C-alpha atoms as a PDB file:
ATOM      1  CA  UNK A   1     -39.066 -34.913  47.331  1.00  0.00           C
ATOM      2  CA  UNK A   2     -37.132 -37.589  49.261  1.00  0.00           C
ATOM      3  CA  UNK A   3     -33.619 -37.783  47.914  1.00  0.00           C
ATOM      4  CA  UNK A   4     -31.008 -40.614  48.096  1.00  0.00           C
ATOM      5  CA  UNK A   5     -27.555 -41.267  48.262  1.00  0.00           C
ATOM      6  CA  UNK A   6     -25.922 -44.506  46.836  1.00  0.00           C
ATOM      7  CA  UNK A   7     -22.653 -45.087  48.156  1.00  0.00           C
ATOM      8  CA  UNK A   8     -20.620 -48.034  47.485  1.00  0.00           C
ATOM      9  CA  UNK A   9     -17.413 -49.816  46.795  1.00  0.00           C
ATOM     10  CA  UNK A  10     -17.314 -52.898  44.769  1.00  0.00           C
ATOM     11  CA  UNK A  11     -14.154 -55.236  44.564  1.00  0.00           C
ATOM     12  CA  UNK A  12     -15.114 -57.766  42.217  1.00  0.00           C
ATOM     13  CA  UNK A  13     -18.432 -56.217  40.630  1.00  0.00           C
ATOM     14  CA  UNK A  14     -20.692 -57.852  43.009  1.00  0.00           C
ATOM     15  CA  UNK A  15     -21.404 -54.454  44.911  1.00  0.00           C
ATOM     16  CA  UNK A  16     -21.758 -52.663  41.814  1.00  0.00           C
ATOM     17  CA  UNK A  17     -24.602 -55.141  40.557  1.00  0.00           C
ATOM     18  CA  UNK A  18     -26.626 -54.284  43.742  1.00  0.00           C
ATOM     19  CA  UNK A  19     -25.906 -50.531  43.363  1.00  0.00           C
ATOM     20  CA  UNK A  20     -27.257 -50.569  40.055  1.00  0.00           C
ATOM     21  CA  UNK A  21     -30.715 -52.499  41.156  1.00  0.00           C
ATOM     22  CA  UNK A  22     -31.151 -49.879  43.889  1.00  0.00           C
ATOM     23  CA  UNK A  23     -30.803 -47.485  41.079  1.00  0.00           C
ATOM     24  CA  UNK A  24     -33.153 -49.144  38.762  1.00  0.00           C
ATOM     25  CA  UNK A  25     -35.842 -49.509  41.583  1.00  0.00           C
ATOM     26  CA  UNK A  26     -35.361 -45.506  42.562  1.00  0.00           C
ATOM     27  CA  UNK A  27     -35.539 -44.742  38.725  1.00  0.00           C
ATOM     28  CA  UNK A  28     -39.048 -46.691  38.481  1.00  0.00           C
ATOM     29  CA  UNK A  29     -40.364 -45.277  41.563  1.00  0.00           C
ATOM     30  CA  UNK A  30     -39.435 -41.625  40.249  1.00  0.00           C
ATOM     31  CA  UNK A  31     -36.966 -40.887  42.996  1.00  0.00           C
ATOM     32  CA  UNK A  32     -34.378 -38.460  42.978  1.00  0.00           C
ATOM     33  CA  UNK A  33     -30.858 -40.009  43.950  1.00  0.00           C
ATOM     34  CA  UNK A  34     -27.188 -39.806  43.223  1.00  0.00           C
ATOM     35  CA  UNK A  35     -24.315 -42.342  43.140  1.00  0.00           C
ATOM     36  CA  UNK A  36     -20.877 -42.099  44.706  1.00  0.00           C
ATOM     37  CA  UNK A  37     -18.320 -44.752  43.649  1.00  0.00           C
ATOM     38  CA  UNK A  38     -15.782 -45.014  46.144  1.00  0.00           C
ATOM     39  CA  UNK A  39     -11.923 -45.884  45.329  1.00  0.00           C
ATOM     40  CA  UNK A  40      -8.789 -44.009  44.967  1.00  0.00           C
ATOM     41  CA  UNK A  41     -10.175 -40.924  42.850  1.00  0.00           C
ATOM     42  CA  UNK A  42     -13.496 -40.653  44.717  1.00  0.00           C
ATOM     43  CA  UNK A  43     -13.948 -37.053  46.108  1.00  0.00           C
ATOM     44  CA  UNK A  44     -16.655 -38.190  49.015  1.00  0.00           C
ATOM     45  CA  UNK A  45     -15.797 -34.896  50.902  1.00  0.00           C
ATOM     46  CA  UNK A  46     -17.564 -32.988  48.076  1.00  0.00           C
ATOM     47  CA  UNK A  47     -20.463 -34.693  48.543  1.00  0.00           C
ATOM     48  CA  UNK A  48     -22.721 -32.999  51.584  1.00  0.00           C
ATOM     49  CA  UNK A  49     -24.846 -36.009  53.180  1.00  0.00           C
ATOM     50  CA  UNK A  50     -26.971 -33.562  55.056  1.00  0.00           C
ATOM     51  CA  UNK A  51     -28.799 -33.241  51.413  1.00  0.00           C
ATOM     52  CA  UNK A  52     -30.132 -36.563  51.760  1.00  0.00           C
ATOM     53  CA  UNK A  53     -32.951 -38.412  53.526  1.00  0.00           C
ATOM     54  CA  UNK A  54     -31.328 -42.058  52.665  1.00  0.00           C
ATOM     55  CA  UNK A  55     -28.386 -43.298  52.547  1.00  0.00           C
ATOM     56  CA  UNK A  56     -27.586 -46.607  50.897  1.00  0.00           C
ATOM     57  CA  UNK A  57     -23.765 -47.533  52.144  1.00  0.00           C
ATOM     58  CA  UNK A  58     -22.711 -51.073  49.821  1.00  0.00           C
ATOM     59  CA  UNK A  59     -19.431 -52.569  50.663  1.00  0.00           C
ATOM     60  CA  UNK A  60     -17.831 -56.197  49.642  1.00  0.00           C
ATOM     61  CA  UNK A  61     -16.045 -58.009  52.632  1.00  0.00           C
ATOM     62  CA  UNK A  62     -12.534 -59.627  52.110  1.00  0.00           C
ATOM     63  CA  UNK A  63      -9.913 -61.373  54.318  1.00  0.00           C
ATOM     64  CA  UNK A  64     -12.110 -62.920  56.911  1.00  0.00           C
ATOM     65  CA  UNK A  65     -15.008 -60.792  56.609  1.00  0.00           C
ATOM     66  CA  UNK A  66     -13.123 -57.230  56.776  1.00  0.00           C
ATOM     67  CA  UNK A  67     -14.240 -54.109  55.035  1.00  0.00           C
ATOM     68  CA  UNK A  68     -12.213 -52.575  52.764  1.00  0.00           C
ATOM     69  CA  UNK A  69     -10.448 -49.115  53.712  1.00  0.00           C
ATOM     70  CA  UNK A  70     -12.138 -46.812  51.056  1.00  0.00           C
ATOM     71  CA  UNK A  71     -15.483 -47.632  52.812  1.00  0.00           C
ATOM     72  CA  UNK A  72     -13.964 -47.332  56.194  1.00  0.00           C
ATOM     73  CA  UNK A  73     -12.515 -43.937  55.258  1.00  0.00           C
ATOM     74  CA  UNK A  74     -15.784 -42.864  54.150  1.00  0.00           C
ATOM     75  CA  UNK A  75     -17.593 -43.973  57.477  1.00  0.00           C
ATOM     76  CA  UNK A  76     -14.796 -41.966  59.246  1.00  0.00           C
ATOM     77  CA  UNK A  77     -15.412 -39.336  57.404  1.00  0.00           C
ATOM     78  CA  UNK A  78     -19.392 -39.360  58.357  1.00  0.00           C
ATOM     79  CA  UNK A  79     -18.211 -39.779  61.955  1.00  0.00           C
ATOM     80  CA  UNK A  80     -16.004 -36.835  62.013  1.00  0.00           C
ATOM     81  CA  UNK A  81     -17.972 -34.511  60.113  1.00  0.00           C
ATOM     82  CA  UNK A  82     -21.743 -35.439  60.525  1.00  0.00           C
ATOM     83  CA  UNK A  83     -22.267 -36.896  63.873  1.00  0.00           C
ATOM     84  CA  UNK A  84     -19.981 -34.855  65.404  1.00  0.00           C
ATOM     85  CA  UNK A  85     -21.996 -32.040  64.326  1.00  0.00           C
ATOM     86  CA  UNK A  86     -25.152 -33.346  65.664  1.00  0.00           C
ATOM     87  CA  UNK A  87     -23.327 -34.464  68.949  1.00  0.00           C
ATOM     88  CA  UNK A  88     -21.809 -30.979  69.688  1.00  0.00           C
ATOM     89  CA  UNK A  89     -25.543 -29.643  69.246  1.00  0.00           C
ATOM     90  CA  UNK A  90     -27.156 -31.938  71.434  1.00  0.00           C
ATOM     91  CA  UNK A  91     -27.974 -30.764  75.315  1.00  0.00           C
ATOM     92  CA  UNK A  92     -26.628 -33.226  77.751  1.00  0.00           C
ATOM     93  CA  UNK A  93     -27.255 -32.645  81.168  1.00  0.00           C
ATOM     94  CA  UNK A  94     -25.508 -35.656  82.559  1.00  0.00           C
ATOM     95  CA  UNK A  95     -22.257 -33.616  82.252  1.00  0.00           C
ATOM     96  CA  UNK A  96     -18.576 -35.227  82.510  1.00  0.00           C
ATOM     97  CA  UNK A  97     -18.273 -39.025  83.341  1.00  0.00           C
ATOM     98  CA  UNK A  98     -15.008 -40.275  84.020  1.00  0.00           C
ATOM     99  CA  UNK A  99     -13.298 -37.082  82.912  1.00  0.00           C
ATOM    100  CA  UNK A 100     -15.155 -37.407  79.513  1.00  0.00           C
ATOM    101  CA  UNK A 101     -18.018 -35.890  78.062  1.00  0.00           C
ATOM    102  CA  UNK A 102     -20.712 -37.718  76.902  1.00  0.00           C
ATOM    103  CA  UNK A 103     -20.199 -36.669  73.413  1.00  0.00           C
ATOM    104  CA  UNK A 104     -16.466 -37.771  73.937  1.00  0.00           C
ATOM    105  CA  UNK A 105     -17.786 -41.136  75.228  1.00  0.00           C
ATOM    106  CA  UNK A 106     -20.037 -42.014  72.351  1.00  0.00           C
ATOM    107  CA  UNK A 107     -17.589 -40.662  69.534  1.00  0.00           C
ATOM    108  CA  UNK A 108     -14.795 -43.079  71.323  1.00  0.00           C
ATOM    109  CA  UNK A 109     -17.383 -45.901  71.121  1.00  0.00           C
ATOM    110  CA  UNK A 110     -18.295 -45.208  67.571  1.00  0.00           C
ATOM    111  CA  UNK A 111     -14.842 -44.927  66.517  1.00  0.00           C
ATOM    112  CA  UNK A 112     -13.716 -47.813  68.216  1.00  0.00           C
ATOM    113  CA  UNK A 113     -16.379 -49.864  66.389  1.00  0.00           C
ATOM    114  CA  UNK A 114     -15.180 -48.825  62.683  1.00  0.00           C
ATOM    115  CA  UNK A 115     -11.570 -49.517  63.876  1.00  0.00           C
ATOM    116  CA  UNK A 116     -12.531 -53.176  64.653  1.00  0.00           C
ATOM    117  CA  UNK A 117     -13.192 -54.000  60.990  1.00  0.00           C
ATOM    118  CA  UNK A 118      -9.812 -53.080  60.012  1.00  0.00           C
END
């Protein structure tokens, strides 16, 4: 059975409403899912994202469209733990370019994308 994870941070309540709607839909379809609400006390490191087939990530935006730090911290966690694990297992024949492996170049690019949201 497909298992989903709903991850969200809600600043004013609107993102939580959307997360609840996703929960309702998954429940009505008889799907298995877990919910992780991000915030000061969230322990997202204890949730193994590799146990899920689908991950929904909801976030408000504020201050000129910027993403809250709680969400960015979670995205960094995913980049650093999950994607890096997959990149390390890739076999890339092209080797080193400009002194960096392709894995390093891709990670640098992904981290740059996340940092632009700050």
